[in-house]
Amino acid sequence: MKYWLTGFIILFGLLLFSQEKRTSDSYFDLNYFSGNIALHNNDILHLITGHPEGVILSWNKKSFGNDPWEQRFNYPDYGASFIYQDLKNDVLGNNYGLYAHYNFYFFKRNLTLRVGQGIAYNTNPYDKLENHKNIAFGSHLLSSTYLMLNYKKERLIDRVGLQAGLSLIHYSNANVKAPNTSVNTIAFNVGLNYNLDEEDQEFIDNLDDDKFTERIKYNIAFRSGINQSDIIGSGQFPFYVVSAYADKRLSHISAVQFGADVFFSNFLKELIYYQSVSFPEENVSGDEDYKRVGLFAGHELFINKMSIETQLGYYVYYPFDFEGRTYMRIGLKRYFGNKFFGAITLKSHGAKAEAVEFGIGVRL
C-alpha cells in the first residue's frame, strides 16, 4: 500500500496547487492497481514470482463538442499519465512510464476505455554477466501501451469521485535490442478522481454529419529505425522501409488502404550468415537475399489530426524464412496540414514484434 499512499500525497499536492483554477475543463485521477503477469511465453515462467502492483497518476482534459470530432467520438478526454510499477521480481526490476492517452465514454458516460501509449524506463534490464535471467527486457527504454476499462462516477462528494476496473499494461522494446520476450500485466485497479472546476460545461450537440467521402488518394511513406534478431549479441542494425499505397476515405472517421512495402532489414544479413555457419541442417547457404516485398490491406481511424493505422500484409517476395509470410502493423499517425504526416508504428508477426518504425510521408 506504500505506492498508493505515495500517489495520494502527490495527488493531494496537485489539488492544493490547482484550487484557483475555475475553467480548466480538466481533472486528475489516481489509481492503485495489483494483478498478475500473463504467461504469454513459457520462457518467462521463472520471472513470474508475485503480484505486480503500482500507481497510475493522470491529468485529463475534457471535451464538450467545440470541434466536430469531439461530438463524433462522444466527447472523449485526452491527457497524460505516469505509471510506476513494481514487478515483484528483483530480476525484472521496476518500471516508470510516461504516456499520452485518450478516454472514450460508453453507457451514459459511466464506462470509460482509456488507451495510452508511451515510453517506460526499466531499472534492471538484461546483462550477460550481472542479470542474465532477465530475458523480458533487453534495454532500459521500453515501448509501453496500456488499456484501462473503468466504471466511473464523478462528483460523489463535492468534486471527488471514484472509479474501478481492469487494466492491461504492456512493456516491450520491439526487438530494438535482444532479448525481448516482453511483459503483460493484467490488473484490477481502484482510484479517485478530482475535478478542477466547480461544475462542467454543457455538451454541444449541433453536429450536421453529412455523408463525407474523398477521391482515392496516393501515399508514399519512408520508415526507419534499428533492431536486432533474437540472437543475443548479434548486433543492432538500421532498417529501411519504403511504402506506396492508395487510400479511400469512407467517412469523416474511416478510410481503407491497399499498397506495397519494400523492406531493407539489415539485421537479416547477420542472421542469414549466422544460420549458414552455425546450423547447416537449416540448409541456409548464406547467399539468400535479405530484402522482402509485401502487399497489405489496412484501415485508418481518424481522431482529430491523429489517426490509428492498422495493416495486414503478406510477403510476395520472401527469399529467407523469418517468422512466417504474414505481418501486421499498428500505430499512430499525425497529420501536418492536408498532405504531410509523421508516424510511429509497430511491425510484428503475430505476437512477435520485429521493429518500431519511425516514419514520414506524403498524401497526394
Foldseek 3Di string as FASTA:
>chain_A
DVQQVVQVVVQVVVLVVLQVDAPQQKKKKKKKKKFFWDCPDVLCVVVTDGIKIHMKIWIKHWAQCPDVLCVVQVTKIKTKIWIWMQRVGPLFAIKIWIWIWIWGADDVRQKIKIKIWTKMFTDHADDVPPRPSRQAHNHGIWTKIKIWIWRWDACPDQGKIKIWGKMKMWTFRLQLAGDHPTIITIIIMIIMMGDSHRDDDHHDDDDPFDFDWDDKKKKKKKKKDWHADNPHPLDIDMKIKIWIKIWIDGGPFKIKIKTKMKIDHVNVLSVLVCCVPPPVVVVRPSPFDPMWMKIKMWMWTDRPQKIKIKIKIFTPGDRDDDLHGIKIKIWMWGDDPDWKIWIWIWIANVVRTNDTITMIMTID
